[in-house]
Amino acid sequence: MSKGVLTITDAEFETEVLKSEQPVLVYFWASWCGPCQLMSPQINSIADTYAEKLKVVKMEVDPNPVAVKQYQVEGVPALRLLQGEKVLVSSEGALTKDKIINLIAPHLEG
């Protein structure tokens, strides 16, 4: 499994997220968003820590309106944990690493 966060676009969403064999944590962010910049290191750390069980992708909201609309992202930073097309976790607003782990851990195998 690859380590780190993969930056994707609407065009890559189906392949990288919906068809992934692993659960995927989608991190919606914006360059103008201060809390997003604070959360980025936590997202990177989670991607490294859970690389064997979880795929982590980030999507900038402004150039990717399709996924933003489909997953009802109303504010950033926002997280969606998906398994196939099913949304397992939905969260908006800045979170600490511990809070993110508490949200996603119950959905990760082993």
PDB file of N, CA and C in Angstrom:
ATOM      1  N   MET A   1       0.842  -1.183   0.000  1.00  0.00           N
ATOM      2  CA  MET A   1       0.000   0.000   0.000  1.00  0.00           C
ATOM      3  C   MET A   1       0.885   1.243   0.000  1.00  0.00           C
ATOM      4  N   SER A   2       0.429   2.253  -0.689  1.00  0.00           N
ATOM      5  CA  SER A   2       1.213   3.483  -0.718  1.00  0.00           C
ATOM      6  C   SER A   2       0.980   4.264   0.565  1.00  0.00           C
ATOM      7  N   LYS A   3       2.012   4.946   0.983  1.00  0.00           N
ATOM      8  CA  LYS A   3       1.898   5.774   2.183  1.00  0.00           C
ATOM      9  C   LYS A   3       1.630   7.208   1.758  1.00  0.00           C
ATOM     10  N   GLY A   4       1.014   7.945   2.652  1.00  0.00           N
ATOM     11  CA  GLY A   4       0.801   9.355   2.393  1.00  0.00           C
ATOM     12  C   GLY A   4      -0.574   9.652   1.831  1.00  0.00           C
ATOM     13  N   VAL A   5      -0.789  10.921   1.639  1.00  0.00           N
ATOM     14  CA  VAL A   5      -2.078  11.425   1.175  1.00  0.00           C
ATOM     15  C   VAL A   5      -2.013  11.639  -0.327  1.00  0.00           C
ATOM     16  N   LEU A   6      -3.017  11.151  -1.026  1.00  0.00           N
ATOM     17  CA  LEU A   6      -3.107  11.305  -2.466  1.00  0.00           C
ATOM     18  C   LEU A   6      -4.046  12.461  -2.781  1.00  0.00           C
ATOM     19  N   THR A   7      -3.586  13.419  -3.565  1.00  0.00           N
ATOM     20  CA  THR A   7      -4.436  14.537  -3.975  1.00  0.00           C
ATOM     21  C   THR A   7      -5.176  14.121  -5.234  1.00  0.00           C
ATOM     22  N   ILE A   8      -6.511  14.220  -5.196  1.00  0.00           N
ATOM     23  CA  ILE A   8      -7.312  13.794  -6.351  1.00  0.00           C
ATOM     24  C   ILE A   8      -8.276  14.898  -6.782  1.00  0.00           C
ATOM     25  N   THR A   9      -8.904  14.664  -7.946  1.00  0.00           N
ATOM     26  CA  THR A   9      -9.901  15.579  -8.501  1.00  0.00           C
ATOM     27  C   THR A   9     -11.208  14.821  -8.712  1.00  0.00           C
ATOM     28  N   ASP A  10     -12.240  15.553  -9.104  1.00  0.00           N
ATOM     29  CA  ASP A  10     -13.517  14.910  -9.423  1.00  0.00           C
ATOM     30  C   ASP A  10     -13.331  13.778 -10.433  1.00  0.00           C
ATOM     31  N   ALA A  11     -12.466  13.996 -11.421  1.00  0.00           N
ATOM     32  CA  ALA A  11     -12.259  12.999 -12.479  1.00  0.00           C
ATOM     33  C   ALA A  11     -11.687  11.691 -11.939  1.00  0.00           C
ATOM     34  N   GLU A  12     -10.954  11.753 -10.842  1.00  0.00           N
ATOM     35  CA  GLU A  12     -10.322  10.558 -10.277  1.00  0.00           C
ATOM     36  C   GLU A  12     -11.119   9.943  -9.130  1.00  0.00           C
ATOM     37  N   PHE A  13     -12.199  10.596  -8.723  1.00  0.00           N
ATOM     38  CA  PHE A  13     -12.933  10.187  -7.527  1.00  0.00           C
ATOM     39  C   PHE A  13     -13.445   8.753  -7.614  1.00  0.00           C
ATOM     40  N   GLU A  14     -14.052   8.396  -8.723  1.00  0.00           N
ATOM     41  CA  GLU A  14     -14.611   7.040  -8.844  1.00  0.00           C
ATOM     42  C   GLU A  14     -13.524   5.983  -8.724  1.00  0.00           C
ATOM     43  N   THR A  15     -12.435   6.156  -9.453  1.00  0.00           N
ATOM     44  CA  THR A  15     -11.360   5.173  -9.444  1.00  0.00           C
ATOM     45  C   THR A  15     -10.668   5.097  -8.088  1.00  0.00           C
ATOM     46  N   GLU A  16     -10.321   6.248  -7.522  1.00  0.00           N
ATOM     47  CA  GLU A  16      -9.512   6.276  -6.300  1.00  0.00           C
ATOM     48  C   GLU A  16     -10.325   6.056  -5.024  1.00  0.00           C
ATOM     49  N   VAL A  17     -11.603   6.424  -5.041  1.00  0.00           N
ATOM     50  CA  VAL A  17     -12.411   6.326  -3.823  1.00  0.00           C
ATOM     51  C   VAL A  17     -13.462   5.225  -3.933  1.00  0.00           C
ATOM     52  N   LEU A  18     -14.359   5.346  -4.871  1.00  0.00           N
ATOM     53  CA  LEU A  18     -15.489   4.417  -4.945  1.00  0.00           C
ATOM     54  C   LEU A  18     -15.073   2.996  -5.278  1.00  0.00           C
ATOM     55  N   LYS A  19     -13.997   2.822  -6.035  1.00  0.00           N
ATOM     56  CA  LYS A  19     -13.555   1.477  -6.420  1.00  0.00           C
ATOM     57  C   LYS A  19     -12.398   0.969  -5.555  1.00  0.00           C
ATOM     58  N   SER A  20     -12.054   1.692  -4.515  1.00  0.00           N
ATOM     59  CA  SER A  20     -10.972   1.270  -3.631  1.00  0.00           C
ATOM     60  C   SER A  20     -11.398   0.049  -2.819  1.00  0.00           C
ATOM     61  N   GLU A  21     -10.470  -0.872  -2.615  1.00  0.00           N
ATOM     62  CA  GLU A  21     -10.770  -2.040  -1.786  1.00  0.00           C
ATOM     63  C   GLU A  21     -10.713  -1.703  -0.305  1.00  0.00           C
ATOM     64  N   GLN A  22      -9.995  -0.650   0.032  1.00  0.00           N
ATOM     65  CA  GLN A  22      -9.890  -0.200   1.423  1.00  0.00           C
ATOM     66  C   GLN A  22     -10.906   0.910   1.683  1.00  0.00           C
ATOM     67  N   PRO A  23     -11.238   1.143   2.956  1.00  0.00           N
ATOM     68  CA  PRO A  23     -11.994   2.358   3.272  1.00  0.00           C
ATOM     69  C   PRO A  23     -11.150   3.567   2.861  1.00  0.00           C
ATOM     70  N   VAL A  24     -11.812   4.646   2.479  1.00  0.00           N
ATOM     71  CA  VAL A  24     -11.105   5.852   2.041  1.00  0.00           C
ATOM     72  C   VAL A  24     -11.563   7.039   2.870  1.00  0.00           C
ATOM     73  N   LEU A  25     -10.598   7.729   3.464  1.00  0.00           N
ATOM     74  CA  LEU A  25     -10.875   8.964   4.175  1.00  0.00           C
ATOM     75  C   LEU A  25     -10.652  10.104   3.195  1.00  0.00           C
ATOM     76  N   VAL A  26     -11.742  10.809   2.871  1.00  0.00           N
ATOM     77  CA  VAL A  26     -11.663  11.936   1.940  1.00  0.00           C
ATOM     78  C   VAL A  26     -11.616  13.216   2.770  1.00  0.00           C
ATOM     79  N   TYR A  27     -10.564  13.974   2.573  1.00  0.00           N
ATOM     80  CA  TYR A  27     -10.351  15.227   3.289  1.00  0.00           C
ATOM     81  C   TYR A  27     -10.623  16.366   2.321  1.00  0.00           C
ATOM     82  N   PHE A  28     -11.719  17.075   2.547  1.00  0.00           N
ATOM     83  CA  PHE A  28     -12.075  18.225   1.720  1.00  0.00           C
ATOM     84  C   PHE A  28     -11.477  19.468   2.361  1.00  0.00           C
ATOM     85  N   TRP A  29     -10.787  20.274   1.563  1.00  0.00           N
ATOM     86  CA  TRP A  29     -10.079  21.432   2.092  1.00  0.00           C
ATOM     87  C   TRP A  29     -10.098  22.580   1.085  1.00  0.00           C
ATOM     88  N   ALA A  30      -9.602  23.727   1.501  1.00  0.00           N
ATOM     89  CA  ALA A  30      -9.472  24.876   0.614  1.00  0.00           C
ATOM     90  C   ALA A  30      -8.202  25.637   0.975  1.00  0.00           C
ATOM     91  N   SER A  31      -7.557  26.211  -0.028  1.00  0.00           N
ATOM     92  CA  SER A  31      -6.297  26.928   0.199  1.00  0.00           C
ATOM     93  C   SER A  31      -6.491  28.159   1.075  1.00  0.00           C
ATOM     94  N   TRP A  32      -7.685  28.731   1.043  1.00  0.00           N
ATOM     95  CA  TRP A  32      -7.987  29.945   1.816  1.00  0.00           C
ATOM     96  C   TRP A  32      -8.473  29.647   3.234  1.00  0.00           C
ATOM     97  N   CYS A  33      -8.508  28.384   3.608  1.00  0.00           N
ATOM     98  CA  CYS A  33      -9.085  27.949   4.887  1.00  0.00           C
ATOM     99  C   CYS A  33      -8.002  27.751   5.939  1.00  0.00           C
ATOM    100  N   GLY A  34      -7.967  28.628   6.941  1.00  0.00           N
ATOM    101  CA  GLY A  34      -6.990  28.521   8.017  1.00  0.00           C
ATOM    102  C   GLY A  34      -7.064  27.214   8.777  1.00  0.00           C
ATOM    103  N   PRO A  35      -8.267  26.799   9.241  1.00  0.00           N
ATOM    104  CA  PRO A  35      -8.363  25.514   9.959  1.00  0.00           C
ATOM    105  C   PRO A  35      -7.906  24.321   9.114  1.00  0.00           C
ATOM    106  N   CYS A  36      -8.067  24.399   7.797  1.00  0.00           N
ATOM    107  CA  CYS A  36      -7.604  23.315   6.922  1.00  0.00           C
ATOM    108  C   CYS A  36      -6.087  23.181   7.018  1.00  0.00           C
ATOM    109  N   GLN A  37      -5.398  24.318   7.052  1.00  0.00           N
ATOM    110  CA  GLN A  37      -3.942  24.282   7.135  1.00  0.00           C
ATOM    111  C   GLN A  37      -3.496  23.704   8.474  1.00  0.00           C
ATOM    112  N   LEU A  38      -4.277  23.948   9.524  1.00  0.00           N
ATOM    113  CA  LEU A  38      -3.961  23.369  10.826  1.00  0.00           C
ATOM    114  C   LEU A  38      -4.198  21.861  10.848  1.00  0.00           C
ATOM    115  N   MET A  39      -5.185  21.396  10.081  1.00  0.00           N
ATOM    116  CA  MET A  39      -5.534  19.974  10.082  1.00  0.00           C
ATOM    117  C   MET A  39      -4.656  19.130   9.162  1.00  0.00           C
ATOM    118  N   SER A  40      -4.040  19.732   8.180  1.00  0.00           N
ATOM    119  CA  SER A  40      -3.249  18.965   7.207  1.00  0.00           C
ATOM    120  C   SER A  40      -2.207  18.054   7.845  1.00  0.00           C
ATOM    121  N   PRO A  41      -1.425  18.515   8.847  1.00  0.00           N
ATOM    122  CA  PRO A  41      -0.456  17.594   9.456  1.00  0.00           C
ATOM    123  C   PRO A  41      -1.117  16.383  10.124  1.00  0.00           C
ATOM    124  N   GLN A  42      -2.300  16.573  10.720  1.00  0.00           N
ATOM    125  CA  GLN A  42      -3.010  15.450  11.326  1.00  0.00           C
ATOM    126  C   GLN A  42      -3.426  14.442  10.253  1.00  0.00           C
ATOM    127  N   ILE A  43      -3.915  14.946   9.138  1.00  0.00           N
ATOM    128  CA  ILE A  43      -4.343  14.067   8.037  1.00  0.00           C
ATOM    129  C   ILE A  43      -3.144  13.280   7.516  1.00  0.00           C
ATOM    130  N   ASN A  44      -2.001  13.957   7.343  1.00  0.00           N
ATOM    131  CA  ASN A  44      -0.794  13.272   6.869  1.00  0.00           C
ATOM    132  C   ASN A  44      -0.351  12.190   7.846  1.00  0.00           C
ATOM    133  N   SER A  45      -0.425  12.481   9.118  1.00  0.00           N
ATOM    134  CA  SER A  45      -0.027  11.520  10.146  1.00  0.00           C
ATOM    135  C   SER A  45      -0.942  10.298  10.147  1.00  0.00           C
ATOM    136  N   ILE A  46      -2.237  10.528  10.012  1.00  0.00           N
ATOM    137  CA  ILE A  46      -3.201   9.419   9.960  1.00  0.00           C
ATOM    138  C   ILE A  46      -2.951   8.563   8.717  1.00  0.00           C
ATOM    139  N   ALA A  47      -2.647   9.211   7.595  1.00  0.00           N
ATOM    140  CA  ALA A  47      -2.358   8.460   6.372  1.00  0.00           C
ATOM    141  C   ALA A  47      -1.159   7.543   6.578  1.00  0.00           C
ATOM    142  N   ASP A  48      -0.133   8.030   7.263  1.00  0.00           N
ATOM    143  CA  ASP A  48       1.052   7.208   7.510  1.00  0.00           C
ATOM    144  C   ASP A  48       0.764   6.102   8.523  1.00  0.00           C
ATOM    145  N   THR A  49       0.072   6.450   9.596  1.00  0.00           N
ATOM    146  CA  THR A  49      -0.207   5.495  10.670  1.00  0.00           C
ATOM    147  C   THR A  49      -1.096   4.343  10.204  1.00  0.00           C
ATOM    148  N   TYR A  50      -2.105   4.655   9.401  1.00  0.00           N
ATOM    149  CA  TYR A  50      -3.100   3.656   9.001  1.00  0.00           C
ATOM    150  C   TYR A  50      -2.943   3.196   7.550  1.00  0.00           C
ATOM    151  N   ALA A  51      -1.763   3.333   6.997  1.00  0.00           N
ATOM    152  CA  ALA A  51      -1.528   3.031   5.579  1.00  0.00           C
ATOM    153  C   ALA A  51      -1.962   1.626   5.176  1.00  0.00           C
ATOM    154  N   GLU A  52      -1.874   0.669   6.085  1.00  0.00           N
ATOM    155  CA  GLU A  52      -2.239  -0.708   5.757  1.00  0.00           C
ATOM    156  C   GLU A  52      -3.752  -0.937   5.745  1.00  0.00           C
ATOM    157  N   LYS A  53      -4.502  -0.066   6.403  1.00  0.00           N
ATOM    158  CA  LYS A  53      -5.946  -0.282   6.573  1.00  0.00           C
ATOM    159  C   LYS A  53      -6.817   0.771   5.913  1.00  0.00           C
ATOM    160  N   LEU A  54      -6.202   1.875   5.495  1.00  0.00           N
ATOM    161  CA  LEU A  54      -6.977   3.042   5.085  1.00  0.00           C
ATOM    162  C   LEU A  54      -6.261   3.787   3.978  1.00  0.00           C
ATOM    163  N   LYS A  55      -7.035   4.238   3.009  1.00  0.00           N
ATOM    164  CA  LYS A  55      -6.506   5.115   1.973  1.00  0.00           C
ATOM    165  C   LYS A  55      -6.964   6.527   2.333  1.00  0.00           C
ATOM    166  N   VAL A  56      -6.074   7.498   2.197  1.00  0.00           N
ATOM    167  CA  VAL A  56      -6.424   8.882   2.514  1.00  0.00           C
ATOM    168  C   VAL A  56      -6.210   9.733   1.268  1.00  0.00           C
ATOM    169  N   VAL A  57      -7.254  10.460   0.892  1.00  0.00           N
ATOM    170  CA  VAL A  57      -7.164  11.360  -0.255  1.00  0.00           C
ATOM    171  C   VAL A  57      -7.613  12.752   0.172  1.00  0.00           C
ATOM    172  N   LYS A  58      -7.100  13.758  -0.522  1.00  0.00           N
ATOM    173  CA  LYS A  58      -7.555  15.113  -0.254  1.00  0.00           C
ATOM    174  C   LYS A  58      -8.058  15.735  -1.536  1.00  0.00           C
ATOM    175  N   MET A  59      -9.104  16.526  -1.384  1.00  0.00           N
ATOM    176  CA  MET A  59      -9.713  17.205  -2.525  1.00  0.00           C
ATOM    177  C   MET A  59      -9.913  18.667  -2.179  1.00  0.00           C
ATOM    178  N   GLU A  60      -9.402  19.527  -3.024  1.00  0.00           N
ATOM    179  CA  GLU A  60      -9.643  20.952  -2.852  1.00  0.00           C
ATOM    180  C   GLU A  60     -11.063  21.234  -3.325  1.00  0.00           C
ATOM    181  N   VAL A  61     -11.852  21.926  -2.511  1.00  0.00           N
ATOM    182  CA  VAL A  61     -13.280  22.066  -2.806  1.00  0.00           C
ATOM    183  C   VAL A  61     -13.582  22.927  -4.027  1.00  0.00           C
ATOM    184  N   ASP A  62     -12.880  24.036  -4.200  1.00  0.00           N
ATOM    185  CA  ASP A  62     -13.231  24.965  -5.281  1.00  0.00           C
ATOM    186  C   ASP A  62     -13.148  24.359  -6.684  1.00  0.00           C
ATOM    187  N   PRO A  63     -12.076  23.630  -7.036  1.00  0.00           N
ATOM    188  CA  PRO A  63     -12.023  23.063  -8.396  1.00  0.00           C
ATOM    189  C   PRO A  63     -12.742  21.714  -8.544  1.00  0.00           C
ATOM    190  N   ASN A  64     -13.373  21.213  -7.489  1.00  0.00           N
ATOM    191  CA  ASN A  64     -14.004  19.886  -7.544  1.00  0.00           C
ATOM    192  C   ASN A  64     -15.447  19.921  -7.048  1.00  0.00           C
ATOM    193  N   PRO A  65     -16.319  20.639  -7.748  1.00  0.00           N
ATOM    194  CA  PRO A  65     -17.692  20.821  -7.263  1.00  0.00           C
ATOM    195  C   PRO A  65     -18.551  19.565  -7.287  1.00  0.00           C
ATOM    196  N   VAL A  66     -18.217  18.588  -8.099  1.00  0.00           N
ATOM    197  CA  VAL A  66     -19.061  17.398  -8.209  1.00  0.00           C
ATOM    198  C   VAL A  66     -19.053  16.603  -6.905  1.00  0.00           C
ATOM    199  N   ALA A  67     -17.878  16.261  -6.402  1.00  0.00           N
ATOM    200  CA  ALA A  67     -17.786  15.508  -5.147  1.00  0.00           C
ATOM    201  C   ALA A  67     -18.295  16.342  -3.980  1.00  0.00           C
ATOM    202  N   VAL A  68     -18.021  17.640  -3.993  1.00  0.00           N
ATOM    203  CA  VAL A  68     -18.482  18.529  -2.921  1.00  0.00           C
ATOM    204  C   VAL A  68     -20.006  18.484  -2.830  1.00  0.00           C
ATOM    205  N   LYS A  69     -20.650  18.556  -3.980  1.00  0.00           N
ATOM    206  CA  LYS A  69     -22.125  18.521  -4.003  1.00  0.00           C
ATOM    207  C   LYS A  69     -22.632  17.131  -3.633  1.00  0.00           C
ATOM    208  N   GLN A  70     -22.037  16.097  -4.199  1.00  0.00           N
ATOM    209  CA  GLN A  70     -22.495  14.729  -3.972  1.00  0.00           C
ATOM    210  C   GLN A  70     -22.408  14.345  -2.499  1.00  0.00           C
ATOM    211  N   TYR A  71     -21.370  14.810  -1.809  1.00  0.00           N
ATOM    212  CA  TYR A  71     -21.174  14.441  -0.400  1.00  0.00           C
ATOM    213  C   TYR A  71     -21.558  15.575   0.557  1.00  0.00           C
ATOM    214  N   GLN A  72     -22.324  16.534   0.028  1.00  0.00           N
ATOM    215  CA  GLN A  72     -22.942  17.599   0.814  1.00  0.00           C
ATOM    216  C   GLN A  72     -21.955  18.291   1.738  1.00  0.00           C
ATOM    217  N   VAL A  73     -20.813  18.670   1.178  1.00  0.00           N
ATOM    218  CA  VAL A  73     -19.811  19.405   1.946  1.00  0.00           C
ATOM    219  C   VAL A  73     -20.262  20.855   2.023  1.00  0.00           C
ATOM    220  N   GLU A  74     -20.576  21.299   3.216  1.00  0.00           N
ATOM    221  CA  GLU A  74     -21.058  22.674   3.392  1.00  0.00           C
ATOM    222  C   GLU A  74     -20.011  23.582   4.012  1.00  0.00           C
ATOM    223  N   GLY A  75     -18.995  23.003   4.616  1.00  0.00           N
ATOM    224  CA  GLY A  75     -17.922  23.796   5.207  1.00  0.00           C
ATOM    225  C   GLY A  75     -16.642  23.000   5.186  1.00  0.00           C
ATOM    226  N   VAL A  76     -15.524  23.702   5.254  1.00  0.00           N
ATOM    227  CA  VAL A  76     -14.229  23.029   5.279  1.00  0.00           C
ATOM    228  C   VAL A  76     -13.476  23.461   6.530  1.00  0.00           C
ATOM    229  N   PRO A  77     -12.624  22.601   7.038  1.00  0.00           N
ATOM    230  CA  PRO A  77     -12.307  21.251   6.564  1.00  0.00           C
ATOM    231  C   PRO A  77     -13.468  20.289   6.794  1.00  0.00           C
ATOM    232  N   ALA A  78     -13.549  19.301   5.933  1.00  0.00           N
ATOM    233  CA  ALA A  78     -14.589  18.277   6.052  1.00  0.00           C
ATOM    234  C   ALA A  78     -13.973  16.913   5.785  1.00  0.00           C
ATOM    235  N   LEU A  79     -14.496  15.922   6.477  1.00  0.00           N
ATOM    236  CA  LEU A  79     -14.040  14.544   6.293  1.00  0.00           C
ATOM    237  C   LEU A  79     -15.220  13.663   5.941  1.00  0.00           C
ATOM    238  N   ARG A  80     -14.994  12.725   5.024  1.00  0.00           N
ATOM    239  CA  ARG A  80     -15.966  11.685   4.724  1.00  0.00           C
ATOM    240  C   ARG A  80     -15.180  10.380   4.665  1.00  0.00           C
ATOM    241  N   LEU A  81     -15.626   9.403   5.424  1.00  0.00           N
ATOM    242  CA  LEU A  81     -15.026   8.072   5.356  1.00  0.00           C
ATOM    243  C   LEU A  81     -15.963   7.214   4.527  1.00  0.00           C
ATOM    244  N   LEU A  82     -15.465   6.712   3.407  1.00  0.00           N
ATOM    245  CA  LEU A  82     -16.291   5.928   2.503  1.00  0.00           C
ATOM    246  C   LEU A  82     -15.755   4.514   2.357  1.00  0.00           C
ATOM    247  N   GLN A  83     -16.690   3.585   2.229  1.00  0.00           N
ATOM    248  CA  GLN A  83     -16.370   2.205   1.854  1.00  0.00           C
ATOM    249  C   GLN A  83     -17.235   1.945   0.642  1.00  0.00           C
ATOM    250  N   GLY A  84     -16.618   1.921  -0.527  1.00  0.00           N
ATOM    251  CA  GLY A  84     -17.414   1.873  -1.750  1.00  0.00           C
ATOM    252  C   GLY A  84     -18.202   3.168  -1.846  1.00  0.00           C
ATOM    253  N   GLU A  85     -19.503   3.062  -2.060  1.00  0.00           N
ATOM    254  CA  GLU A  85     -20.328   4.269  -2.157  1.00  0.00           C
ATOM    255  C   GLU A  85     -20.985   4.636  -0.833  1.00  0.00           C
ATOM    256  N   LYS A  86     -20.736   3.837   0.199  1.00  0.00           N
ATOM    257  CA  LYS A  86     -21.373   4.070   1.491  1.00  0.00           C
ATOM    258  C   LYS A  86     -20.547   5.033   2.347  1.00  0.00           C
ATOM    259  N   VAL A  87     -21.202   6.071   2.869  1.00  0.00           N
ATOM    260  CA  VAL A  87     -20.544   7.012   3.768  1.00  0.00           C
ATOM    261  C   VAL A  87     -20.633   6.446   5.183  1.00  0.00           C
ATOM    262  N   LEU A  88     -19.475   6.144   5.781  1.00  0.00           N
ATOM    263  CA  LEU A  88     -19.417   5.578   7.126  1.00  0.00           C
ATOM    264  C   LEU A  88     -19.331   6.667   8.190  1.00  0.00           C
ATOM    265  N   VAL A  89     -18.608   7.735   7.861  1.00  0.00           N
ATOM    266  CA  VAL A  89     -18.415   8.852   8.792  1.00  0.00           C
ATOM    267  C   VAL A  89     -18.478  10.153   8.007  1.00  0.00           C
ATOM    268  N   SER A  90     -19.134  11.129   8.588  1.00  0.00           N
ATOM    269  CA  SER A  90     -19.220  12.459   7.988  1.00  0.00           C
ATOM    270  C   SER A  90     -18.950  13.486   9.081  1.00  0.00           C
ATOM    271  N   SER A  91     -18.005  14.383   8.828  1.00  0.00           N
ATOM    272  CA  SER A  91     -17.650  15.384   9.825  1.00  0.00           C
ATOM    273  C   SER A  91     -17.235  16.673   9.133  1.00  0.00           C
ATOM    274  N   GLU A  92     -17.600  17.792   9.722  1.00  0.00           N
ATOM    275  CA  GLU A  92     -17.152  19.085   9.217  1.00  0.00           C
ATOM    276  C   GLU A  92     -16.601  19.891  10.368  1.00  0.00           C
ATOM    277  N   GLY A  93     -15.581  20.675  10.072  1.00  0.00           N
ATOM    278  CA  GLY A  93     -14.922  21.473  11.095  1.00  0.00           C
ATOM    279  C   GLY A  93     -13.597  20.850  11.477  1.00  0.00           C
ATOM    280  N   ALA A  94     -12.733  21.661  12.062  1.00  0.00           N
ATOM    281  CA  ALA A  94     -11.399  21.195  12.454  1.00  0.00           C
ATOM    282  C   ALA A  94     -11.502  20.212  13.618  1.00  0.00           C
ATOM    283  N   LEU A  95     -10.728  19.145  13.526  1.00  0.00           N
ATOM    284  CA  LEU A  95     -10.685  18.119  14.568  1.00  0.00           C
ATOM    285  C   LEU A  95      -9.231  17.835  14.934  1.00  0.00           C
ATOM    286  N   THR A  96      -9.021  17.409  16.168  1.00  0.00           N
ATOM    287  CA  THR A  96      -7.687  16.958  16.564  1.00  0.00           C
ATOM    288  C   THR A  96      -7.453  15.567  15.979  1.00  0.00           C
ATOM    289  N   LYS A  97      -6.204  15.150  15.965  1.00  0.00           N
ATOM    290  CA  LYS A  97      -5.871  13.819  15.465  1.00  0.00           C
ATOM    291  C   LYS A  97      -6.615  12.748  16.265  1.00  0.00           C
ATOM    292  N   ASP A  98      -6.650  12.912  17.600  1.00  0.00           N
ATOM    293  CA  ASP A  98      -7.338  11.924  18.436  1.00  0.00           C
ATOM    294  C   ASP A  98      -8.816  11.815  18.082  1.00  0.00           C
ATOM    295  N   LYS A  99      -9.463  12.936  17.825  1.00  0.00           N
ATOM    296  CA  LYS A  99     -10.892  12.904  17.470  1.00  0.00           C
ATOM    297  C   LYS A  99     -11.107  12.234  16.121  1.00  0.00           C
ATOM    298  N   ILE A 100     -10.206  12.489  15.181  1.00  0.00           N
ATOM    299  CA  ILE A 100     -10.316  11.834  13.870  1.00  0.00           C
ATOM    300  C   ILE A 100     -10.165  10.326  14.036  1.00  0.00           C
ATOM    301  N   ILE A 101      -9.169   9.917  14.818  1.00  0.00           N
ATOM    302  CA  ILE A 101      -8.953   8.486  15.046  1.00  0.00           C
ATOM    303  C   ILE A 101     -10.172   7.858  15.704  1.00  0.00           C
ATOM    304  N   ASN A 102     -10.758   8.541  16.676  1.00  0.00           N
ATOM    305  CA  ASN A 102     -11.961   8.014  17.339  1.00  0.00           C
ATOM    306  C   ASN A 102     -13.118   7.844  16.360  1.00  0.00           C
ATOM    307  N   LEU A 103     -13.206   8.713  15.354  1.00  0.00           N
ATOM    308  CA  LEU A 103     -14.260   8.595  14.346  1.00  0.00           C
ATOM    309  C   LEU A 103     -14.035   7.419  13.402  1.00  0.00           C
ATOM    310  N   ILE A 104     -12.791   7.244  12.967  1.00  0.00           N
ATOM    311  CA  ILE A 104     -12.533   6.253  11.913  1.00  0.00           C
ATOM    312  C   ILE A 104     -12.177   4.870  12.422  1.00  0.00           C
ATOM    313  N   ALA A 105     -11.546   4.768  13.608  1.00  0.00           N
ATOM    314  CA  ALA A 105     -11.044   3.482  14.104  1.00  0.00           C
ATOM    315  C   ALA A 105     -12.088   2.376  14.145  1.00  0.00           C
ATOM    316  N   PRO A 106     -13.341   2.657  14.577  1.00  0.00           N
ATOM    317  CA  PRO A 106     -14.329   1.571  14.614  1.00  0.00           C
ATOM    318  C   PRO A 106     -14.634   0.962  13.238  1.00  0.00           C
ATOM    319  N   HIS A 107     -14.278   1.665  12.162  1.00  0.00           N
ATOM    320  CA  HIS A 107     -14.608   1.198  10.812  1.00  0.00           C
ATOM    321  C   HIS A 107     -13.435   0.508  10.113  1.00  0.00           C
ATOM    322  N   LEU A 108     -12.289   0.442  10.791  1.00  0.00           N
ATOM    323  CA  LEU A 108     -11.106  -0.167  10.180  1.00  0.00           C
ATOM    324  C   LEU A 108     -10.917  -1.581  10.718  1.00  0.00           C
ATOM    325  N   GLU A 109     -10.653  -2.503   9.828  1.00  0.00           N
ATOM    326  CA  GLU A 109     -10.514  -3.907  10.227  1.00  0.00           C
ATOM    327  C   GLU A 109      -9.209  -4.144  10.971  1.00  0.00           C
ATOM    328  N   GLY A 110      -9.272  -5.099  11.889  1.00  0.00           N
ATOM    329  CA  GLY A 110      -8.103  -5.581  12.583  1.00  0.00           C
ATOM    330  C   GLY A 110      -7.341  -4.540  13.321  1.00  0.00           C
TER     331      GLY A 110
END
